């Protein structure tokens, strides 16, 4: 299944228990997947398509910005769909994320498995983080909050490769869509 995900930075006074949230780098990002009723009035920081593990349509996978898989080699999935910015692969002891010039292993803090919804939420948060121009090497933990359920992962073995001639990275979130 392919879903549209919208991401907002959430101010403290607006935090409730309804939508999914990912805490990253001291910020709270609110994620809403389609179909979403009653969308907020403010424009999102980021909008992107996420293709879940069961998606087999090459056309839809080619359009996806984030691809989530249950197993396999993330770099091969990225190579098969070069338009995709992030690939998340669920593994026995966590999740592997591969993005353009960056990769990391997400290891659950409490030793549990990184589920499909968690991997999708983390990948969406990283997507929003990247398109905002924020530094990926600043990310050490990600926390997904879904209702009363909380899942936290440590970022292990990050590999960041700076692109030649890369511009300076902004330190505040900016809107990726008008």
C-alpha atoms as a PDB file:
ATOM      1  CA  UNK A   1       0.000   0.000   0.000  1.00  0.00           C
ATOM      2  CA  UNK A   2       1.162   3.528  -0.793  1.00  0.00           C
ATOM      3  CA  UNK A   3       0.191   6.362   1.568  1.00  0.00           C
ATOM      4  CA  UNK A   4       0.588  10.097   1.506  1.00  0.00           C
ATOM      5  CA  UNK A   5       2.303  11.259   4.718  1.00  0.00           C
ATOM      6  CA  UNK A   6       2.272  14.875   5.856  1.00  0.00           C
ATOM      7  CA  UNK A   7       4.651  16.127   8.548  1.00  0.00           C
ATOM      8  CA  UNK A   8       4.329  19.184  10.800  1.00  0.00           C
ATOM      9  CA  UNK A   9       6.619  20.439  13.532  1.00  0.00           C
ATOM     10  CA  UNK A  10       4.416  20.393  16.594  1.00  0.00           C
ATOM     11  CA  UNK A  11       4.545  23.197  19.172  1.00  0.00           C
ATOM     12  CA  UNK A  12       4.213  22.030  22.789  1.00  0.00           C
ATOM     13  CA  UNK A  13       0.794  23.638  23.296  1.00  0.00           C
ATOM     14  CA  UNK A  14      -0.774  21.592  20.459  1.00  0.00           C
ATOM     15  CA  UNK A  15       0.409  18.121  21.492  1.00  0.00           C
ATOM     16  CA  UNK A  16      -2.382  15.606  21.976  1.00  0.00           C
ATOM     17  CA  UNK A  17      -2.629  11.829  21.740  1.00  0.00           C
ATOM     18  CA  UNK A  18      -4.284  11.363  18.330  1.00  0.00           C
ATOM     19  CA  UNK A  19      -1.699  11.421  15.488  1.00  0.00           C
ATOM     20  CA  UNK A  20       1.646   9.636  15.363  1.00  0.00           C
ATOM     21  CA  UNK A  21       4.667  11.603  16.473  1.00  0.00           C
ATOM     22  CA  UNK A  22       8.399  11.115  16.180  1.00  0.00           C
ATOM     23  CA  UNK A  23      10.760  12.929  18.531  1.00  0.00           C
ATOM     24  CA  UNK A  24      14.011  13.696  16.749  1.00  0.00           C
ATOM     25  CA  UNK A  25      16.792  16.124  17.592  1.00  0.00           C
ATOM     26  CA  UNK A  26      14.768  17.870  20.300  1.00  0.00           C
ATOM     27  CA  UNK A  27      11.836  18.478  17.958  1.00  0.00           C
ATOM     28  CA  UNK A  28       8.428  16.813  17.800  1.00  0.00           C
ATOM     29  CA  UNK A  29       7.236  15.945  14.299  1.00  0.00           C
ATOM     30  CA  UNK A  30       3.550  15.086  13.818  1.00  0.00           C
ATOM     31  CA  UNK A  31       2.834  12.519  11.072  1.00  0.00           C
ATOM     32  CA  UNK A  32      -0.538  12.010   9.431  1.00  0.00           C
ATOM     33  CA  UNK A  33      -1.125   9.287   6.892  1.00  0.00           C
ATOM     34  CA  UNK A  34      -3.806   9.365   4.234  1.00  0.00           C
ATOM     35  CA  UNK A  35      -6.705   9.266   4.409  1.00  0.00           C
ATOM     36  CA  UNK A  36      -6.701  11.890   7.138  1.00  0.00           C
ATOM     37  CA  UNK A  37      -9.843  13.601   8.280  1.00  0.00           C
ATOM     38  CA  UNK A  38      -9.799  17.184   9.428  1.00  0.00           C
ATOM     39  CA  UNK A  39      -6.359  18.181   8.172  1.00  0.00           C
ATOM     40  CA  UNK A  40      -4.783  21.116  10.052  1.00  0.00           C
ATOM     41  CA  UNK A  41      -4.988  24.578   8.553  1.00  0.00           C
ATOM     42  CA  UNK A  42      -1.250  25.239   8.494  1.00  0.00           C
ATOM     43  CA  UNK A  43       0.720  23.860   5.548  1.00  0.00           C
ATOM     44  CA  UNK A  44       2.966  20.882   6.318  1.00  0.00           C
ATOM     45  CA  UNK A  45       6.748  20.990   6.507  1.00  0.00           C
ATOM     46  CA  UNK A  46       6.890  17.982   4.203  1.00  0.00           C
ATOM     47  CA  UNK A  47       4.621  15.752   2.103  1.00  0.00           C
ATOM     48  CA  UNK A  48       5.798  12.469   0.671  1.00  0.00           C
ATOM     49  CA  UNK A  49       4.605   9.065  -0.542  1.00  0.00           C
ATOM     50  CA  UNK A  50       5.433   5.969   1.507  1.00  0.00           C
ATOM     51  CA  UNK A  51       5.293   2.485  -0.051  1.00  0.00           C
ATOM     52  CA  UNK A  52       4.822  -0.224   2.578  1.00  0.00           C
ATOM     53  CA  UNK A  53       6.361  -3.701   2.621  1.00  0.00           C
ATOM     54  CA  UNK A  54       3.484  -5.315   0.741  1.00  0.00           C
ATOM     55  CA  UNK A  55       3.597  -2.951  -2.231  1.00  0.00           C
ATOM     56  CA  UNK A  56       4.593  -4.743  -5.452  1.00  0.00           C
ATOM     57  CA  UNK A  57       3.569  -2.269  -8.166  1.00  0.00           C
ATOM     58  CA  UNK A  58       6.738  -1.044  -9.867  1.00  0.00           C
ATOM     59  CA  UNK A  59       4.877   2.096 -10.955  1.00  0.00           C
ATOM     60  CA  UNK A  60       3.898   2.980  -7.380  1.00  0.00           C
ATOM     61  CA  UNK A  61       7.324   2.049  -5.987  1.00  0.00           C
ATOM     62  CA  UNK A  62       8.927   4.288  -8.614  1.00  0.00           C
ATOM     63  CA  UNK A  63       6.836   7.233  -7.352  1.00  0.00           C
ATOM     64  CA  UNK A  64       7.480   6.606  -3.652  1.00  0.00           C
ATOM     65  CA  UNK A  65       9.736   8.938  -1.689  1.00  0.00           C
ATOM     66  CA  UNK A  66      10.066   6.387   1.148  1.00  0.00           C
ATOM     67  CA  UNK A  67      10.063   2.597   0.686  1.00  0.00           C
ATOM     68  CA  UNK A  68       9.654   0.236   3.662  1.00  0.00           C
ATOM     69  CA  UNK A  69      10.610  -3.439   3.251  1.00  0.00           C
ATOM     70  CA  UNK A  70      10.729  -6.545   5.443  1.00  0.00           C
ATOM     71  CA  UNK A  71      14.228  -7.820   4.715  1.00  0.00           C
ATOM     72  CA  UNK A  72      16.663  -7.525   1.882  1.00  0.00           C
ATOM     73  CA  UNK A  73      19.531  -5.143   1.258  1.00  0.00           C
ATOM     74  CA  UNK A  74      18.530  -1.454   1.537  1.00  0.00           C
ATOM     75  CA  UNK A  75      21.128  -0.269  -0.983  1.00  0.00           C
ATOM     76  CA  UNK A  76      19.731  -2.693  -3.591  1.00  0.00           C
ATOM     77  CA  UNK A  77      16.185  -1.411  -3.010  1.00  0.00           C
ATOM     78  CA  UNK A  78      17.471   2.173  -3.428  1.00  0.00           C
ATOM     79  CA  UNK A  79      19.299   1.203  -6.605  1.00  0.00           C
ATOM     80  CA  UNK A  80      16.146  -0.414  -8.016  1.00  0.00           C
ATOM     81  CA  UNK A  81      14.138   2.772  -7.338  1.00  0.00           C
ATOM     82  CA  UNK A  82      16.544   5.722  -7.654  1.00  0.00           C
ATOM     83  CA  UNK A  83      13.772   8.313  -7.225  1.00  0.00           C
ATOM     84  CA  UNK A  84      13.234   7.147  -3.659  1.00  0.00           C
ATOM     85  CA  UNK A  85      14.964   9.269  -1.015  1.00  0.00           C
ATOM     86  CA  UNK A  86      14.838   6.763   1.884  1.00  0.00           C
ATOM     87  CA  UNK A  87      14.609   2.984   2.187  1.00  0.00           C
ATOM     88  CA  UNK A  88      13.827   1.385   5.554  1.00  0.00           C
ATOM     89  CA  UNK A  89      14.345  -2.367   5.929  1.00  0.00           C
ATOM     90  CA  UNK A  90      13.044  -4.227   8.986  1.00  0.00           C
ATOM     91  CA  UNK A  91      15.541  -6.701  10.386  1.00  0.00           C
ATOM     92  CA  UNK A  92      15.598  -9.099  13.349  1.00  0.00           C
ATOM     93  CA  UNK A  93      17.367  -6.668  15.695  1.00  0.00           C
ATOM     94  CA  UNK A  94      16.009  -3.366  14.411  1.00  0.00           C
ATOM     95  CA  UNK A  95      15.805  -1.484  11.154  1.00  0.00           C
ATOM     96  CA  UNK A  96      18.261  -0.281   8.534  1.00  0.00           C
ATOM     97  CA  UNK A  97      17.756   3.139   6.934  1.00  0.00           C
ATOM     98  CA  UNK A  98      19.510   4.199   3.755  1.00  0.00           C
ATOM     99  CA  UNK A  99      19.212   7.677   2.299  1.00  0.00           C
ATOM    100  CA  UNK A 100      21.225   9.657  -0.201  1.00  0.00           C
ATOM    101  CA  UNK A 101      24.684   9.849   1.334  1.00  0.00           C
ATOM    102  CA  UNK A 102      23.609   8.459   4.732  1.00  0.00           C
ATOM    103  CA  UNK A 103      22.823   5.119   6.310  1.00  0.00           C
ATOM    104  CA  UNK A 104      22.192   3.943   9.865  1.00  0.00           C
ATOM    105  CA  UNK A 105      21.004   1.006  11.925  1.00  0.00           C
ATOM    106  CA  UNK A 106      18.083   1.743  14.257  1.00  0.00           C
ATOM    107  CA  UNK A 107      18.290  -0.466  17.351  1.00  0.00           C
ATOM    108  CA  UNK A 108      15.254  -0.646  19.670  1.00  0.00           C
ATOM    109  CA  UNK A 109      16.123   0.581  23.169  1.00  0.00           C
ATOM    110  CA  UNK A 110      14.015  -2.044  24.948  1.00  0.00           C
ATOM    111  CA  UNK A 111      15.160  -4.916  22.728  1.00  0.00           C
ATOM    112  CA  UNK A 112      11.876  -5.218  20.835  1.00  0.00           C
ATOM    113  CA  UNK A 113      11.525  -5.506  17.058  1.00  0.00           C
ATOM    114  CA  UNK A 114      11.222  -2.366  14.949  1.00  0.00           C
ATOM    115  CA  UNK A 115       7.722  -2.910  13.506  1.00  0.00           C
ATOM    116  CA  UNK A 116       6.476  -1.856  10.078  1.00  0.00           C
ATOM    117  CA  UNK A 117       4.608   1.182  11.432  1.00  0.00           C
ATOM    118  CA  UNK A 118       7.621   2.229  13.513  1.00  0.00           C
ATOM    119  CA  UNK A 119      10.020   1.883  10.560  1.00  0.00           C
ATOM    120  CA  UNK A 120       7.624   3.882   8.379  1.00  0.00           C
ATOM    121  CA  UNK A 121       7.305   6.628  11.026  1.00  0.00           C
ATOM    122  CA  UNK A 122      11.087   6.847  11.527  1.00  0.00           C
ATOM    123  CA  UNK A 123      11.721   6.945   7.769  1.00  0.00           C
ATOM    124  CA  UNK A 124       9.084   9.686   7.326  1.00  0.00           C
ATOM    125  CA  UNK A 125      10.645  11.750  10.116  1.00  0.00           C
ATOM    126  CA  UNK A 126      14.111  11.349   8.562  1.00  0.00           C
ATOM    127  CA  UNK A 127      12.640  12.363   5.172  1.00  0.00           C
ATOM    128  CA  UNK A 128      11.208  15.565   6.687  1.00  0.00           C
ATOM    129  CA  UNK A 129      14.506  16.178   8.498  1.00  0.00           C
ATOM    130  CA  UNK A 130      16.488  15.786   5.259  1.00  0.00           C
ATOM    131  CA  UNK A 131      14.296  17.972   3.058  1.00  0.00           C
ATOM    132  CA  UNK A 132      14.492  20.664   5.751  1.00  0.00           C
ATOM    133  CA  UNK A 133      18.269  20.609   5.272  1.00  0.00           C
ATOM    134  CA  UNK A 134      19.028  19.539   8.842  1.00  0.00           C
ATOM    135  CA  UNK A 135      22.211  17.567   9.671  1.00  0.00           C
ATOM    136  CA  UNK A 136      21.677  13.818   9.863  1.00  0.00           C
ATOM    137  CA  UNK A 137      24.733  13.335  12.056  1.00  0.00           C
ATOM    138  CA  UNK A 138      22.859  15.157  14.856  1.00  0.00           C
ATOM    139  CA  UNK A 139      20.347  12.302  15.149  1.00  0.00           C
ATOM    140  CA  UNK A 140      21.185   9.848  17.945  1.00  0.00           C
ATOM    141  CA  UNK A 141      17.695   8.640  18.995  1.00  0.00           C
ATOM    142  CA  UNK A 142      14.227   8.525  17.482  1.00  0.00           C
ATOM    143  CA  UNK A 143      11.067   8.075  19.538  1.00  0.00           C
ATOM    144  CA  UNK A 144       7.738   7.143  17.943  1.00  0.00           C
ATOM    145  CA  UNK A 145       4.601   7.971  19.943  1.00  0.00           C
ATOM    146  CA  UNK A 146       1.382   6.301  18.786  1.00  0.00           C
ATOM    147  CA  UNK A 147      -1.454   6.943  21.241  1.00  0.00           C
ATOM    148  CA  UNK A 148      -0.152   5.558  24.555  1.00  0.00           C
ATOM    149  CA  UNK A 149       2.481   3.365  22.880  1.00  0.00           C
ATOM    150  CA  UNK A 150       6.075   4.599  22.766  1.00  0.00           C
ATOM    151  CA  UNK A 151       8.916   2.999  20.787  1.00  0.00           C
ATOM    152  CA  UNK A 152      12.466   4.319  20.924  1.00  0.00           C
ATOM    153  CA  UNK A 153      15.519   3.443  18.844  1.00  0.00           C
ATOM    154  CA  UNK A 154      19.178   4.387  19.023  1.00  0.00           C
ATOM    155  CA  UNK A 155      20.934   5.356  15.802  1.00  0.00           C
ATOM    156  CA  UNK A 156      23.926   3.009  15.490  1.00  0.00           C
ATOM    157  CA  UNK A 157      26.734   2.879  12.982  1.00  0.00           C
ATOM    158  CA  UNK A 158      25.702   5.990  11.057  1.00  0.00           C
ATOM    159  CA  UNK A 159      27.649   6.454   7.853  1.00  0.00           C
ATOM    160  CA  UNK A 160      27.474   9.991   6.529  1.00  0.00           C
ATOM    161  CA  UNK A 161      29.205  10.798   3.284  1.00  0.00           C
ATOM    162  CA  UNK A 162      29.432  14.490   2.469  1.00  0.00           C
ATOM    163  CA  UNK A 163      28.822  15.286  -1.170  1.00  0.00           C
ATOM    164  CA  UNK A 164      31.559  17.303  -2.869  1.00  0.00           C
ATOM    165  CA  UNK A 165      30.591  20.974  -2.980  1.00  0.00           C
ATOM    166  CA  UNK A 166      27.672  20.458  -0.580  1.00  0.00           C
ATOM    167  CA  UNK A 167      26.128  23.693   0.664  1.00  0.00           C
ATOM    168  CA  UNK A 168      25.879  24.670   4.311  1.00  0.00           C
ATOM    169  CA  UNK A 169      23.123  22.975   6.264  1.00  0.00           C
ATOM    170  CA  UNK A 170      20.308  25.066   7.747  1.00  0.00           C
ATOM    171  CA  UNK A 171      19.597  24.589  11.441  1.00  0.00           C
ATOM    172  CA  UNK A 172      15.871  25.363  11.511  1.00  0.00           C
ATOM    173  CA  UNK A 173      13.018  23.501   9.836  1.00  0.00           C
ATOM    174  CA  UNK A 174      11.594  25.124   6.723  1.00  0.00           C
ATOM    175  CA  UNK A 175       8.508  24.321   4.738  1.00  0.00           C
ATOM    176  CA  UNK A 176       9.202  21.842   1.919  1.00  0.00           C
ATOM    177  CA  UNK A 177       5.910  22.586   0.180  1.00  0.00           C
ATOM    178  CA  UNK A 178       4.084  25.917  -0.215  1.00  0.00           C
END
